[in-house]
Amino acid sequence: APVPKVGVLALQGAYREHAARLRGLGAPVREVR
């Protein structure tokens, strides 16, 4: 089954690292502002 889309709260902090890790696991990721 396709991996559901995940958001990362991208206001401040380590959001890029989370997004990269989730994408590496095959999850579509959106930055949330």
All heavy atoms as atom14 arrays in JSON, in Angstrom:
{
  "sequence": "APVPKVGVLALQGAYREHAARLRGLGAPVREVR",
  "atom14_mask": [
    [1, 1, 1, 1, 1, 0, 0, 0, 0, 0, 0, 0, 0, 0],
    [1, 1, 1, 1, 1, 1, 1, 0, 0, 0, 0, 0, 0, 0],
    [1, 1, 1, 1, 1, 1, 1, 0, 0, 0, 0, 0, 0, 0],
    [1, 1, 1, 1, 1, 1, 1, 0, 0, 0, 0, 0, 0, 0],
    [1, 1, 1, 1, 1, 1, 1, 1, 1, 0, 0, 0, 0, 0],
    [1, 1, 1, 1, 1, 1, 1, 0, 0, 0, 0, 0, 0, 0],
    [1, 1, 1, 1, 0, 0, 0, 0, 0, 0, 0, 0, 0, 0],
    [1, 1, 1, 1, 1, 1, 1, 0, 0, 0, 0, 0, 0, 0],
    [1, 1, 1, 1, 1, 1, 1, 1, 0, 0, 0, 0, 0, 0],
    [1, 1, 1, 1, 1, 0, 0, 0, 0, 0, 0, 0, 0, 0],
    [1, 1, 1, 1, 1, 1, 1, 1, 0, 0, 0, 0, 0, 0],
    [1, 1, 1, 1, 1, 1, 1, 1, 1, 0, 0, 0, 0, 0],
    [1, 1, 1, 1, 0, 0, 0, 0, 0, 0, 0, 0, 0, 0],
    [1, 1, 1, 1, 1, 0, 0, 0, 0, 0, 0, 0, 0, 0],
    [1, 1, 1, 1, 1, 1, 1, 1, 1, 1, 1, 1, 0, 0],
    [1, 1, 1, 1, 1, 1, 1, 1, 1, 1, 1, 0, 0, 0],
    [1, 1, 1, 1, 1, 1, 1, 1, 1, 0, 0, 0, 0, 0],
    [1, 1, 1, 1, 1, 1, 1, 1, 1, 1, 0, 0, 0, 0],
    [1, 1, 1, 1, 1, 0, 0, 0, 0, 0, 0, 0, 0, 0],
    [1, 1, 1, 1, 1, 0, 0, 0, 0, 0, 0, 0, 0, 0],
    [1, 1, 1, 1, 1, 1, 1, 1, 1, 1, 1, 0, 0, 0],
    [1, 1, 1, 1, 1, 1, 1, 1, 0, 0, 0, 0, 0, 0],
    [1, 1, 1, 1, 1, 1, 1, 1, 1, 1, 1, 0, 0, 0],
    [1, 1, 1, 1, 0, 0, 0, 0, 0, 0, 0, 0, 0, 0],
    [1, 1, 1, 1, 1, 1, 1, 1, 0, 0, 0, 0, 0, 0],
    [1, 1, 1, 1, 0, 0, 0, 0, 0, 0, 0, 0, 0, 0],
    [1, 1, 1, 1, 1, 0, 0, 0, 0, 0, 0, 0, 0, 0],
    [1, 1, 1, 1, 1, 1, 1, 0, 0, 0, 0, 0, 0, 0],
    [1, 1, 1, 1, 1, 1, 1, 0, 0, 0, 0, 0, 0, 0],
    [1, 1, 1, 1, 1, 1, 1, 1, 1, 1, 1, 0, 0, 0],
    [1, 1, 1, 1, 1, 1, 1, 1, 1, 0, 0, 0, 0, 0],
    [1, 1, 1, 1, 1, 1, 1, 0, 0, 0, 0, 0, 0, 0],
    [1, 1, 1, 1, 1, 1, 1, 1, 1, 1, 1, 0, 0, 0]
  ],
  "atom14_positions": [
    [[0.84, -1.19, 0.0], [0.0, 0.0, 0.0], [0.88, 1.24, 0.0], [1.97, 1.24, 0.56], [-0.9, -0.01, 1.22], [0.0, 0.0, 0.0], [0.0, 0.0, 0.0], [0.0, 0.0, 0.0], [0.0, 0.0, 0.0], [0.0, 0.0, 0.0], [0.0, 0.0, 0.0], [0.0, 0.0, 0.0], [0.0, 0.0, 0.0], [0.0, 0.0, 0.0]],
    [[0.42, 2.34, -0.61], [1.21, 3.57, -0.6], [1.33, 4.13, 0.81], [0.42, 3.98, 1.64], [0.42, 4.52, -1.51], [-0.97, 3.97, -1.53], [-0.83, 2.49, -1.35], [0.0, 0.0, 0.0], [0.0, 0.0, 0.0], [0.0, 0.0, 0.0], [0.0, 0.0, 0.0], [0.0, 0.0, 0.0], [0.0, 0.0, 0.0], [0.0, 0.0, 0.0]],
    [[2.45, 4.77, 1.1], [2.67, 5.39, 2.41], [1.88, 6.7, 2.46], [1.97, 7.5, 1.54], [4.17, 5.66, 2.65], [4.39, 6.3, 4.01], [4.97, 4.37, 2.53], [0.0, 0.0, 0.0], [0.0, 0.0, 0.0], [0.0, 0.0, 0.0], [0.0, 0.0, 0.0], [0.0, 0.0, 0.0], [0.0, 0.0, 0.0], [0.0, 0.0, 0.0]],
    [[1.09, 6.92, 3.52], [0.33, 8.17, 3.62], [1.25, 9.39, 3.66], [2.4, 9.3, 4.07], [-0.44, 8.03, 4.93], [-0.45, 6.57, 5.23], [0.82, 6.02, 4.66], [0.0, 0.0, 0.0], [0.0, 0.0, 0.0], [0.0, 0.0, 0.0], [0.0, 0.0, 0.0], [0.0, 0.0, 0.0], [0.0, 0.0, 0.0], [0.0, 0.0, 0.0]],
    [[0.71, 10.53, 3.25], [1.48, 11.77, 3.24], [1.66, 12.29, 4.67], [0.73, 12.29, 5.46], [0.79, 12.83, 2.38], [1.58, 14.11, 2.23], [0.91, 15.08, 1.25], [1.08, 14.59, -0.18], [0.57, 15.59, -1.15], [0.0, 0.0, 0.0], [0.0, 0.0, 0.0], [0.0, 0.0, 0.0], [0.0, 0.0, 0.0], [0.0, 0.0, 0.0]],
    [[2.88, 12.74, 4.95], [3.25, 13.21, 6.29], [3.69, 14.66, 6.2], [4.32, 15.07, 5.22], [4.39, 12.35, 6.87], [4.67, 12.75, 8.32], [4.07, 10.88, 6.78], [0.0, 0.0, 0.0], [0.0, 0.0, 0.0], [0.0, 0.0, 0.0], [0.0, 0.0, 0.0], [0.0, 0.0, 0.0], [0.0, 0.0, 0.0], [0.0, 0.0, 0.0]],
    [[3.38, 15.43, 7.22], [3.86, 16.8, 7.31], [4.94, 16.95, 8.36], [5.03, 16.15, 9.3], [0.0, 0.0, 0.0], [0.0, 0.0, 0.0], [0.0, 0.0, 0.0], [0.0, 0.0, 0.0], [0.0, 0.0, 0.0], [0.0, 0.0, 0.0], [0.0, 0.0, 0.0], [0.0, 0.0, 0.0], [0.0, 0.0, 0.0], [0.0, 0.0, 0.0]],
    [[5.77, 17.96, 8.19], [6.74, 18.35, 9.21], [6.53, 19.83, 9.46], [6.58, 20.63, 8.52], [8.19, 18.07, 8.76], [9.16, 18.51, 9.85], [8.39, 16.59, 8.45], [0.0, 0.0, 0.0], [0.0, 0.0, 0.0], [0.0, 0.0, 0.0], [0.0, 0.0, 0.0], [0.0, 0.0, 0.0], [0.0, 0.0, 0.0], [0.0, 0.0, 0.0]],
    [[6.27, 20.19, 10.71], [6.08, 21.6, 11.06], [7.4, 22.33, 10.8], [8.41, 22.05, 11.44], [5.65, 21.73, 12.52], [5.24, 23.12, 12.98], [3.96, 23.57, 12.26], [5.02, 23.13, 14.5], [0.0, 0.0, 0.0], [0.0, 0.0, 0.0], [0.0, 0.0, 0.0], [0.0, 0.0, 0.0], [0.0, 0.0, 0.0], [0.0, 0.0, 0.0]],
    [[7.38, 23.25, 9.85], [8.61, 23.84, 9.34], [8.73, 25.31, 9.72], [9.04, 26.16, 8.88], [8.68, 23.66, 7.82], [0.0, 0.0, 0.0], [0.0, 0.0, 0.0], [0.0, 0.0, 0.0], [0.0, 0.0, 0.0], [0.0, 0.0, 0.0], [0.0, 0.0, 0.0], [0.0, 0.0, 0.0], [0.0, 0.0, 0.0], [0.0, 0.0, 0.0]],
    [[8.48, 25.61, 10.98], [8.6, 26.99, 11.47], [10.02, 27.3, 11.92], [10.51, 28.41, 11.73], [7.64, 27.22, 12.64], [6.16, 27.01, 12.36], [5.36, 27.26, 13.63], [5.68, 27.9, 11.22], [0.0, 0.0, 0.0], [0.0, 0.0, 0.0], [0.0, 0.0, 0.0], [0.0, 0.0, 0.0], [0.0, 0.0, 0.0], [0.0, 0.0, 0.0]],
    [[10.66, 26.32, 12.52], [11.97, 26.53, 13.14], [12.48, 25.18, 13.59], [11.72, 24.24, 13.77], [11.82, 27.49, 14.32], [13.09, 28.01, 14.93], [13.47, 27.29, 16.21], [12.67, 26.55, 16.78], [14.68, 27.49, 16.67], [0.0, 0.0, 0.0], [0.0, 0.0, 0.0], [0.0, 0.0, 0.0], [0.0, 0.0, 0.0], [0.0, 0.0, 0.0]],
    [[13.78, 25.03, 13.74], [14.32, 23.8, 14.29], [14.71, 22.78, 13.23], [14.92, 23.12, 12.06], [0.0, 0.0, 0.0], [0.0, 0.0, 0.0], [0.0, 0.0, 0.0], [0.0, 0.0, 0.0], [0.0, 0.0, 0.0], [0.0, 0.0, 0.0], [0.0, 0.0, 0.0], [0.0, 0.0, 0.0], [0.0, 0.0, 0.0], [0.0, 0.0, 0.0]],
    [[14.76, 21.51, 13.64], [15.35, 20.44, 12.82], [14.33, 19.8, 11.87], [14.3, 18.58, 11.72], [15.97, 19.4, 13.73], [0.0, 0.0, 0.0], [0.0, 0.0, 0.0], [0.0, 0.0, 0.0], [0.0, 0.0, 0.0], [0.0, 0.0, 0.0], [0.0, 0.0, 0.0], [0.0, 0.0, 0.0], [0.0, 0.0, 0.0], [0.0, 0.0, 0.0]],
    [[13.53, 20.61, 11.2], [12.49, 20.02, 10.34], [13.08, 19.4, 9.08], [12.54, 18.41, 8.57], [11.41, 21.05, 10.0], [11.85, 22.26, 9.23], [11.87, 22.26, 7.84], [12.23, 23.44, 9.89], [12.26, 23.39, 7.13], [12.61, 24.56, 9.19], [12.64, 24.53, 7.81], [13.01, 25.64, 7.11], [0.0, 0.0, 0.0], [0.0, 0.0, 0.0]],
    [[14.16, 19.97, 8.53], [14.74, 19.4, 7.3], [15.24, 17.98, 7.53], [15.11, 17.11, 6.67], [15.88, 20.29, 6.8], [15.44, 21.65, 6.29], [16.62, 22.48, 5.8], [16.21, 23.82, 5.45], [16.18, 24.84, 6.31], [16.53, 24.64, 7.57], [15.8, 26.04, 5.92], [0.0, 0.0, 0.0], [0.0, 0.0, 0.0], [0.0, 0.0, 0.0]],
    [[15.84, 17.74, 8.7], [16.36, 16.41, 9.02], [15.23, 15.39, 9.12], [15.36, 14.27, 8.63], [17.17, 16.46, 10.32], [18.47, 17.24, 10.22], [18.33, 18.75, 10.4], [17.18, 19.26, 10.44], [19.36, 19.43, 10.49], [0.0, 0.0, 0.0], [0.0, 0.0, 0.0], [0.0, 0.0, 0.0], [0.0, 0.0, 0.0], [0.0, 0.0, 0.0]],
    [[14.13, 15.77, 9.76], [12.97, 14.87, 9.82], [12.43, 14.59, 8.43], [12.13, 13.44, 8.09], [11.86, 15.5, 10.67], [12.01, 15.27, 12.14], [11.92, 14.02, 12.71], [12.24, 16.14, 13.15], [12.07, 14.13, 14.02], [12.26, 15.41, 14.32], [0.0, 0.0, 0.0], [0.0, 0.0, 0.0], [0.0, 0.0, 0.0], [0.0, 0.0, 0.0]],
    [[12.29, 15.62, 7.62], [11.75, 15.44, 6.27], [12.62, 14.5, 5.45], [12.12, 13.61, 4.75], [11.61, 16.8, 5.58], [0.0, 0.0, 0.0], [0.0, 0.0, 0.0], [0.0, 0.0, 0.0], [0.0, 0.0, 0.0], [0.0, 0.0, 0.0], [0.0, 0.0, 0.0], [0.0, 0.0, 0.0], [0.0, 0.0, 0.0], [0.0, 0.0, 0.0]],
    [[13.93, 14.67, 5.55], [14.85, 13.81, 4.8], [14.73, 12.36, 5.25], [14.73, 11.43, 4.43], [16.29, 14.31, 4.97], [0.0, 0.0, 0.0], [0.0, 0.0, 0.0], [0.0, 0.0, 0.0], [0.0, 0.0, 0.0], [0.0, 0.0, 0.0], [0.0, 0.0, 0.0], [0.0, 0.0, 0.0], [0.0, 0.0, 0.0], [0.0, 0.0, 0.0]],
    [[14.63, 12.14, 6.57], [14.53, 10.77, 7.07], [13.22, 10.11, 6.61], [13.2, 8.96, 6.19], [14.61, 10.78, 8.61], [14.56, 9.41, 9.28], [15.65, 8.46, 8.82], [16.93, 9.11, 8.72], [17.72, 9.39, 9.76], [17.36, 9.07, 10.98], [18.88, 9.97, 9.57], [0.0, 0.0, 0.0], [0.0, 0.0, 0.0], [0.0, 0.0, 0.0]],
    [[12.12, 10.86, 6.68], [10.83, 10.31, 6.25], [10.82, 10.02, 4.75], [10.31, 8.98, 4.31], [9.71, 11.27, 6.63], [9.44, 11.39, 8.14], [8.64, 12.64, 8.44], [8.72, 10.15, 8.66], [0.0, 0.0, 0.0], [0.0, 0.0, 0.0], [0.0, 0.0, 0.0], [0.0, 0.0, 0.0], [0.0, 0.0, 0.0], [0.0, 0.0, 0.0]],
    [[11.38, 10.93, 3.96], [11.46, 10.68, 2.51], [12.32, 9.45, 2.22], [12.03, 8.69, 1.3], [12.01, 11.92, 1.8], [11.04, 13.08, 1.76], [11.55, 14.23, 0.89], [10.6, 15.32, 0.87], [10.78, 16.5, 1.47], [11.92, 16.77, 2.09], [9.84, 17.43, 1.41], [0.0, 0.0, 0.0], [0.0, 0.0, 0.0], [0.0, 0.0, 0.0]],
    [[13.38, 9.27, 3.0], [14.23, 8.1, 2.84], [13.49, 6.8, 3.1], [13.89, 5.74, 2.6], [0.0, 0.0, 0.0], [0.0, 0.0, 0.0], [0.0, 0.0, 0.0], [0.0, 0.0, 0.0], [0.0, 0.0, 0.0], [0.0, 0.0, 0.0], [0.0, 0.0, 0.0], [0.0, 0.0, 0.0], [0.0, 0.0, 0.0], [0.0, 0.0, 0.0]],
    [[12.42, 6.86, 3.89], [11.58, 5.69, 4.16], [10.44, 5.56, 3.16], [9.57, 4.69, 3.32], [11.03, 5.78, 5.58], [12.08, 5.66, 6.7], [11.45, 5.98, 8.05], [12.7, 4.26, 6.72], [0.0, 0.0, 0.0], [0.0, 0.0, 0.0], [0.0, 0.0, 0.0], [0.0, 0.0, 0.0], [0.0, 0.0, 0.0], [0.0, 0.0, 0.0]],
    [[10.41, 6.43, 2.15], [9.4, 6.33, 1.1], [8.14, 7.12, 1.35], [7.17, 6.99, 0.59], [0.0, 0.0, 0.0], [0.0, 0.0, 0.0], [0.0, 0.0, 0.0], [0.0, 0.0, 0.0], [0.0, 0.0, 0.0], [0.0, 0.0, 0.0], [0.0, 0.0, 0.0], [0.0, 0.0, 0.0], [0.0, 0.0, 0.0], [0.0, 0.0, 0.0]],
    [[8.12, 7.97, 2.39], [6.92, 8.75, 2.69], [6.94, 10.07, 1.93], [7.95, 10.76, 1.92], [6.83, 9.03, 4.18], [0.0, 0.0, 0.0], [0.0, 0.0, 0.0], [0.0, 0.0, 0.0], [0.0, 0.0, 0.0], [0.0, 0.0, 0.0], [0.0, 0.0, 0.0], [0.0, 0.0, 0.0], [0.0, 0.0, 0.0], [0.0, 0.0, 0.0]],
    [[5.82, 10.42, 1.28], [5.71, 11.78, 0.73], [5.58, 12.78, 1.87], [4.8, 12.57, 2.8], [4.44, 11.71, -0.13], [3.69, 10.52, 0.32], [4.63, 9.61, 1.03], [0.0, 0.0, 0.0], [0.0, 0.0, 0.0], [0.0, 0.0, 0.0], [0.0, 0.0, 0.0], [0.0, 0.0, 0.0], [0.0, 0.0, 0.0], [0.0, 0.0, 0.0]],
    [[6.36, 13.85, 1.81], [6.45, 14.8, 2.92], [6.11, 16.21, 2.44], [6.55, 16.63, 1.37], [7.87, 14.79, 3.54], [7.97, 15.82, 4.66], [8.23, 13.4, 4.06], [0.0, 0.0, 0.0], [0.0, 0.0, 0.0], [0.0, 0.0, 0.0], [0.0, 0.0, 0.0], [0.0, 0.0, 0.0], [0.0, 0.0, 0.0], [0.0, 0.0, 0.0]],
    [[5.36, 16.92, 3.28], [5.06, 18.34, 3.02], [5.51, 19.16, 4.22], [5.25, 18.8, 5.36], [3.55, 18.54, 2.81], [3.16, 20.02, 2.62], [1.65, 20.21, 2.66], [1.0, 19.42, 1.63], [-0.25, 18.96, 1.74], [-0.96, 19.2, 2.82], [-0.78, 18.26, 0.76], [0.0, 0.0, 0.0], [0.0, 0.0, 0.0], [0.0, 0.0, 0.0]],
    [[6.18, 20.28, 3.94], [6.52, 21.21, 5.02], [5.28, 22.04, 5.36], [4.6, 22.54, 4.47], [7.67, 22.12, 4.58], [8.98, 21.36, 4.41], [10.14, 22.24, 4.04], [9.94, 23.47, 3.87], [11.26, 21.71, 3.9], [0.0, 0.0, 0.0], [0.0, 0.0, 0.0], [0.0, 0.0, 0.0], [0.0, 0.0, 0.0], [0.0, 0.0, 0.0]],
    [[4.98, 22.12, 6.64], [3.77, 22.79, 7.13], [4.14, 24.1, 7.81], [4.92, 24.11, 8.77], [2.99, 21.88, 8.11], [1.84, 22.63, 8.77], [2.49, 20.63, 7.39], [0.0, 0.0, 0.0], [0.0, 0.0, 0.0], [0.0, 0.0, 0.0], [0.0, 0.0, 0.0], [0.0, 0.0, 0.0], [0.0, 0.0, 0.0], [0.0, 0.0, 0.0]],
    [[3.59, 25.2, 7.29], [3.8, 26.51, 7.9], [2.47, 27.22, 8.17], [2.4, 28.08, 9.04], [4.67, 27.38, 7.0], [6.09, 26.86, 6.86], [6.95, 27.73, 5.96], [8.32, 27.23, 5.91], [8.75, 26.3, 5.07], [7.9, 25.76, 4.19], [10.0, 25.89, 5.09], [0.0, 0.0, 0.0], [0.0, 0.0, 0.0], [0.0, 0.0, 0.0]]
  ]
}
